[in-house]
Amino acid sequence: MANLTPHILMLLWAALVASSFPVAALFNPELSASLLVGIRFLLAGLLMWLFKPQSLRLNPRAWLSYGVLGTLLAGNFVIMFVALRYAQPLNLAAIYICLPLIAYLLAALLKMESLRLSRLLLLFIVALAALVILGRAELEQFRRLEFGFGEQIYLLACLMAAAYNTLSRYVTDQQWIAADPYLTTCFSLLAGGALIMLPDLVSSDLTQFAANFTLSDGVALGYLTLFTSLITFWLLQICALKLKPSMLSAYSYQTPLLYLLAELALGITPWQPAYLLAIALLLLGFYSLAKQPD
């Protein structure tokens, strides 16, 4: 059961991440994306610190590690918000499928995983299955995908997310930070939140930001702070110590699957035979990835 625990936790992570997209869409588009993400991270980190106070006496290497990890996380979310103003969600979701492959190549570069053709093939098969699910078995629409400004900067966001998944394990293995998921999550949120909102604090009109901030924005921010920042990043840190970076990142493919199952259950999307093949490939690919040796 112990070997299954990180996989069960990552399924919970995927469900919470899936819930964040419709909630994030509630925000007033005039609000600064970096300020929203910074406030969200600072609130989540502060809640964790208040619940379980941690000593702030850390060596410079540790603070640098937390700062880099937090900035990678926050930067990913900020770029996502900005990219959605220039690109269609489907375009970005298609690019997001590259995330596990990028994480695997980074892990191989840092000598954390062996570069194997079989693993690359499995990741490709799982990505293909996720693409079928994402496109609701209508892959013709992917031929019309554009690669404009929004898509280009979102590729950078995927690189930052993959780097976070890989470096969080790397700096722990190098003993630059303690192997403590709670501590890493708390300090990464605090450091990342402070760094990502610093330019806005200096140059933005905070009065205007406050004037545009509504009750709906507050409810959305509260949900994202508690469930899709504090809990998801904590789960990610726990599992990062037990799963390989490519396996950890591959759970991002579960998000479109969960969306599909929810839509099928609610009758929003009609059943298609191609779904069965895609789901089977996805689950078989995941099982094979999990069973492969380090």
Protein backbone atom coordinates (compact mmCIF):
# COMPACT_ATOMS: atom_id res chain seq x y z
CA MET A 1 0.00 0.00 0.00
CA ALA A 2 2.94 2.31 0.74
CA ASN A 3 4.03 2.11 -2.91
CA LEU A 4 0.54 3.12 -4.04
CA THR A 5 0.28 6.12 -1.69
CA PRO A 6 2.14 8.66 -3.89
CA HIS A 7 0.06 7.60 -6.92
CA ILE A 8 -3.20 8.03 -4.99
CA LEU A 9 -2.04 11.44 -3.76
CA MET A 10 -1.15 12.50 -7.30
CA LEU A 11 -4.63 11.50 -8.50
CA LEU A 12 -6.02 13.82 -5.82
CA TRP A 13 -3.56 16.48 -7.05
CA ALA A 14 -4.84 16.07 -10.62
CA ALA A 15 -8.46 16.45 -9.47
CA LEU A 16 -7.68 19.65 -7.57
CA VAL A 17 -5.71 21.07 -10.48
CA ALA A 18 -8.62 20.28 -12.81
CA SER A 19 -10.92 22.27 -10.55
CA SER A 20 -8.67 25.35 -10.67
CA PHE A 21 -9.27 26.27 -14.33
CA PRO A 22 -12.98 27.17 -14.10
CA VAL A 23 -12.33 28.98 -10.81
CA ALA A 24 -9.45 31.01 -12.28
CA ALA A 25 -11.75 32.08 -15.12
CA LEU A 26 -13.86 34.01 -12.57
CA PHE A 27 -11.17 36.66 -12.03
CA ASN A 28 -11.59 40.14 -13.43
CA PRO A 29 -9.22 40.22 -16.47
CA GLU A 30 -8.18 43.77 -15.54
CA LEU A 31 -6.47 42.52 -12.39
CA SER A 32 -2.69 42.06 -12.49
CA ALA A 33 -1.87 38.36 -12.95
CA SER A 34 1.43 38.61 -11.05
CA LEU A 35 -0.20 40.39 -8.10
CA LEU A 36 -2.98 37.78 -7.94
CA VAL A 37 -0.49 34.90 -8.00
CA GLY A 38 1.81 36.64 -5.53
CA ILE A 39 -1.02 37.26 -3.03
CA ARG A 40 -2.25 33.69 -3.49
CA PHE A 41 1.21 32.24 -2.80
CA LEU A 42 1.92 34.52 0.16
CA LEU A 43 -1.42 33.72 1.79
CA ALA A 44 -0.95 29.97 1.30
CA GLY A 45 2.63 30.08 2.64
CA LEU A 46 1.60 32.23 5.60
CA LEU A 47 -1.24 29.84 6.50
CA MET A 48 1.21 26.94 6.49
CA TRP A 49 3.72 28.87 8.60
CA LEU A 50 1.05 29.91 11.14
CA PHE A 51 -0.23 26.32 11.39
CA LYS A 52 3.27 24.95 11.90
CA PRO A 53 5.85 27.71 12.51
CA GLN A 54 9.25 27.06 10.97
CA SER A 55 12.61 28.58 11.82
CA LEU A 56 13.68 31.26 9.35
CA ARG A 57 17.36 30.73 10.16
CA LEU A 58 18.50 29.06 6.95
CA ASN A 59 21.76 29.22 5.06
CA PRO A 60 21.92 31.32 1.84
CA ARG A 61 21.95 28.20 -0.37
CA ALA A 62 18.66 27.02 1.14
CA TRP A 63 16.97 30.41 0.68
CA LEU A 64 18.29 30.55 -2.89
CA SER A 65 16.81 27.10 -3.56
CA TYR A 66 13.41 28.09 -2.12
CA GLY A 67 13.49 31.34 -4.08
CA VAL A 68 14.21 29.56 -7.36
CA LEU A 69 11.55 26.90 -6.74
CA GLY A 70 8.95 29.48 -5.74
CA THR A 71 9.73 31.71 -8.71
CA LEU A 72 9.42 28.76 -11.11
CA LEU A 73 6.01 27.93 -9.65
CA ALA A 74 4.73 31.50 -9.59
CA GLY A 75 6.17 32.31 -13.01
CA ASN A 76 4.38 29.33 -14.50
CA PHE A 77 1.01 30.58 -13.23
CA VAL A 78 1.60 34.19 -14.22
CA ILE A 79 2.57 33.21 -17.77
CA MET A 80 -0.49 30.94 -17.99
CA PHE A 81 -2.81 33.85 -17.12
CA VAL A 82 -1.10 36.11 -19.67
CA ALA A 83 -1.02 33.42 -22.38
CA LEU A 84 -4.79 32.88 -22.06
CA ARG A 85 -5.30 36.49 -23.17
CA TYR A 86 -3.60 35.76 -26.49
CA ALA A 87 -4.33 32.09 -27.18
CA GLN A 88 -7.18 29.60 -27.06
CA PRO A 89 -7.23 27.19 -24.09
CA LEU A 90 -7.10 24.20 -26.44
CA ASN A 91 -3.85 25.48 -27.98
CA LEU A 92 -2.26 25.83 -24.54
CA ALA A 93 -3.54 22.45 -23.39
CA ALA A 94 -1.95 20.83 -26.44
CA ILE A 95 1.40 22.44 -25.58
CA TYR A 96 1.02 21.35 -21.93
CA ILE A 97 1.21 17.75 -23.10
CA CYS A 98 4.95 18.34 -23.69
CA LEU A 99 5.53 18.85 -19.93
CA PRO A 100 6.41 15.25 -18.92
CA LEU A 101 8.78 14.88 -21.87
CA ILE A 102 10.55 18.12 -20.91
CA ALA A 103 10.78 16.97 -17.27
CA TYR A 104 12.24 13.64 -18.36
CA LEU A 105 14.90 15.27 -20.51
CA LEU A 106 15.82 17.68 -17.68
CA ALA A 107 16.05 14.78 -15.22
CA ALA A 108 18.28 12.88 -17.64
CA LEU A 109 20.47 15.98 -18.09
CA LEU A 110 20.91 16.21 -14.30
CA LYS A 111 21.67 12.45 -14.11
CA MET A 112 18.53 11.85 -12.04
CA GLU A 113 17.02 9.42 -14.55
CA SER A 114 18.53 7.22 -17.25
CA LEU A 115 17.65 8.20 -20.79
CA ARG A 116 15.80 5.20 -22.22
CA LEU A 117 14.05 4.86 -25.55
CA SER A 118 11.37 2.69 -23.92
CA ARG A 119 10.47 5.44 -21.44
CA LEU A 120 10.36 8.08 -24.17
CA LEU A 121 8.04 5.80 -26.15
CA LEU A 122 5.75 5.28 -23.14
CA LEU A 123 5.55 9.01 -22.51
CA PHE A 124 4.72 9.56 -26.18
CA ILE A 125 1.94 6.94 -26.07
CA VAL A 126 0.43 8.48 -22.94
CA ALA A 127 0.68 11.93 -24.52
CA LEU A 128 -1.13 10.67 -27.64
CA ALA A 129 -3.91 9.17 -25.50
CA ALA A 130 -4.23 12.46 -23.58
CA LEU A 131 -4.41 14.33 -26.89
CA VAL A 132 -7.33 12.15 -28.06
CA ILE A 133 -9.14 12.80 -24.77
CA LEU A 134 -8.33 16.50 -24.84
CA GLY A 135 -9.66 16.90 -28.39
CA ARG A 136 -12.74 14.78 -27.60
CA ALA A 137 -11.63 12.34 -30.33
CA GLU A 138 -11.80 15.12 -32.95
CA LEU A 139 -8.10 15.43 -33.72
CA GLU A 140 -8.83 17.28 -36.97
CA GLN A 141 -9.05 20.48 -34.95
CA PHE A 142 -5.41 20.14 -33.85
CA ARG A 143 -4.33 20.63 -37.47
CA ARG A 144 -5.61 24.18 -37.21
CA LEU A 145 -3.57 25.02 -34.12
CA GLU A 146 -1.57 28.24 -34.28
CA PHE A 147 1.75 29.01 -32.60
CA GLY A 148 1.51 32.70 -31.85
CA PHE A 149 2.71 34.85 -28.95
CA GLY A 150 0.49 33.18 -26.34
CA GLU A 151 1.61 29.70 -27.32
CA GLN A 152 5.27 30.72 -27.41
CA ILE A 153 5.30 32.15 -23.89
CA TYR A 154 3.26 29.21 -22.57
CA LEU A 155 5.99 26.87 -23.77
CA LEU A 156 8.23 28.77 -21.35
CA ALA A 157 5.64 28.18 -18.60
CA CYS A 158 5.76 24.43 -19.29
CA LEU A 159 9.55 24.54 -19.09
CA MET A 160 9.30 26.29 -15.70
CA ALA A 161 6.81 23.70 -14.40
CA ALA A 162 9.04 20.85 -15.57
CA ALA A 163 12.06 22.53 -13.99
CA TYR A 164 10.20 22.83 -10.67
CA ASN A 165 9.30 19.12 -10.67
CA THR A 166 12.89 18.20 -11.42
CA LEU A 167 14.81 20.73 -9.29
CA SER A 168 12.69 20.20 -6.17
CA ARG A 169 14.00 16.63 -6.09
CA TYR A 170 17.51 17.64 -7.17
CA VAL A 171 18.13 20.25 -4.45
CA THR A 172 16.81 17.77 -1.86
CA ASP A 173 19.11 15.00 -3.10
CA GLN A 174 22.03 17.47 -2.99
CA GLN A 175 21.04 18.30 0.63
CA TRP A 176 20.75 21.99 -0.17
CA ILE A 177 17.35 21.90 1.53
CA ALA A 178 15.83 19.49 4.04
CA ALA A 179 13.80 16.54 2.76
CA ASP A 180 10.70 18.01 4.37
CA PRO A 181 7.71 18.48 2.00
CA TYR A 182 5.89 20.79 4.42
CA LEU A 183 8.91 23.05 4.89
CA THR A 184 9.72 23.16 1.17
CA THR A 185 6.14 23.98 0.23
CA CYS A 186 5.83 26.69 2.88
CA PHE A 187 9.08 28.51 2.07
CA SER A 188 8.75 28.09 -1.71
CA LEU A 189 5.30 29.70 -1.58
CA LEU A 190 6.53 32.56 0.60
CA ALA A 191 9.68 33.22 -1.43
CA GLY A 192 7.98 32.80 -4.80
CA GLY A 193 5.03 34.98 -3.84
CA ALA A 194 7.24 37.80 -2.60
CA LEU A 195 9.55 37.73 -5.63
CA ILE A 196 6.84 37.49 -8.30
CA MET A 197 4.81 40.44 -6.98
CA LEU A 198 7.78 42.72 -6.21
CA PRO A 199 7.76 44.52 -9.62
CA ASP A 200 4.02 45.26 -9.26
CA LEU A 201 4.48 46.62 -5.75
CA VAL A 202 7.01 49.09 -7.11
CA SER A 203 5.34 50.14 -10.38
CA SER A 204 1.60 49.31 -10.27
CA ASP A 205 -1.36 51.30 -9.02
CA LEU A 206 -2.37 49.24 -5.97
CA THR A 207 -5.37 51.51 -5.31
CA GLN A 208 -6.78 50.68 -8.75
CA PHE A 209 -6.14 46.99 -8.14
CA ALA A 210 -8.09 47.14 -4.87
CA ALA A 211 -10.93 49.06 -6.56
CA ASN A 212 -11.28 46.37 -9.27
CA PHE A 213 -11.14 43.51 -6.77
CA THR A 214 -14.67 42.17 -6.15
CA LEU A 215 -16.28 39.63 -3.81
CA SER A 216 -16.24 37.07 -6.62
CA ASP A 217 -12.49 37.62 -6.99
CA GLY A 218 -12.09 37.12 -3.24
CA VAL A 219 -13.97 33.81 -3.25
CA ALA A 220 -11.95 32.55 -6.21
CA LEU A 221 -8.70 33.67 -4.58
CA GLY A 222 -9.64 31.92 -1.33
CA TYR A 223 -10.35 28.63 -3.09
CA LEU A 224 -7.17 28.78 -5.17
CA THR A 225 -5.10 29.71 -2.12
CA LEU A 226 -6.31 26.84 0.05
CA PHE A 227 -6.94 24.02 -2.40
CA THR A 228 -4.90 24.62 -5.55
CA SER A 229 -1.87 26.28 -3.96
CA LEU A 230 -1.38 25.07 -0.40
CA ILE A 231 -2.71 21.52 -0.78
CA THR A 232 -1.60 20.79 -4.36
CA PHE A 233 1.97 22.03 -3.86
CA TRP A 234 2.25 20.13 -0.60
CA LEU A 235 1.06 16.94 -2.32
CA LEU A 236 3.53 17.60 -5.12
CA GLN A 237 6.42 17.94 -2.68
CA ILE A 238 5.48 14.74 -0.82
CA CYS A 239 5.35 12.78 -4.06
CA ALA A 240 8.47 14.42 -5.52
CA LEU A 241 10.52 12.56 -2.90
CA LYS A 242 9.06 9.22 -4.00
CA LEU A 243 8.42 9.44 -7.75
CA LYS A 244 10.74 10.14 -10.66
CA PRO A 245 10.33 13.60 -12.25
CA SER A 246 8.90 12.18 -15.49
CA MET A 247 6.36 10.07 -13.57
CA LEU A 248 5.43 13.02 -11.38
CA SER A 249 4.89 15.27 -14.40
CA ALA A 250 2.96 12.57 -16.27
CA TYR A 251 0.10 12.94 -13.80
CA SER A 252 -0.74 16.18 -15.61
CA TYR A 253 -2.30 13.88 -18.23
CA GLN A 254 -4.89 12.78 -15.68
CA THR A 255 -6.49 16.25 -15.68
CA PRO A 256 -8.11 15.95 -19.16
CA LEU A 257 -9.18 12.38 -18.29
CA LEU A 258 -10.95 13.57 -15.14
CA TYR A 259 -12.65 16.33 -17.15
CA LEU A 260 -13.83 13.76 -19.69
CA LEU A 261 -15.20 11.38 -17.04
CA ALA A 262 -17.06 14.26 -15.37
CA GLU A 263 -18.57 15.38 -18.69
CA LEU A 264 -19.61 11.82 -19.55
CA ALA A 265 -21.20 11.35 -16.13
CA LEU A 266 -23.14 14.62 -16.48
CA GLY A 267 -24.18 13.91 -20.05
CA ILE A 268 -22.33 16.96 -21.42
CA THR A 269 -20.23 14.92 -23.85
CA PRO A 270 -21.58 11.94 -25.84
CA TRP A 271 -19.70 8.65 -25.60
CA GLN A 272 -17.39 7.72 -28.46
CA PRO A 273 -15.59 4.38 -28.97
CA ALA A 274 -12.27 6.21 -29.38
CA TYR A 275 -12.48 7.20 -25.70
CA LEU A 276 -12.19 3.57 -24.61
CA LEU A 277 -8.96 3.08 -26.57
CA ALA A 278 -7.53 6.39 -25.34
CA ILE A 279 -8.36 5.64 -21.69
CA ALA A 280 -6.92 2.11 -22.01
CA LEU A 281 -3.69 3.47 -23.53
CA LEU A 282 -3.45 6.14 -20.85
CA LEU A 283 -3.90 3.70 -17.96
CA LEU A 284 -1.64 1.05 -19.52
CA GLY A 285 1.05 3.67 -20.17
CA PHE A 286 0.85 4.88 -16.58
CA TYR A 287 1.13 1.36 -15.23
CA SER A 288 4.15 0.67 -17.42
CA LEU A 289 5.83 3.95 -16.40
CA ALA A 290 5.31 3.15 -12.73
CA LYS A 291 6.72 -0.36 -13.10
CA GLN A 292 9.88 0.66 -14.94
CA PRO A 293 13.08 0.55 -12.85
CA ASP A 294 14.97 3.73 -11.97
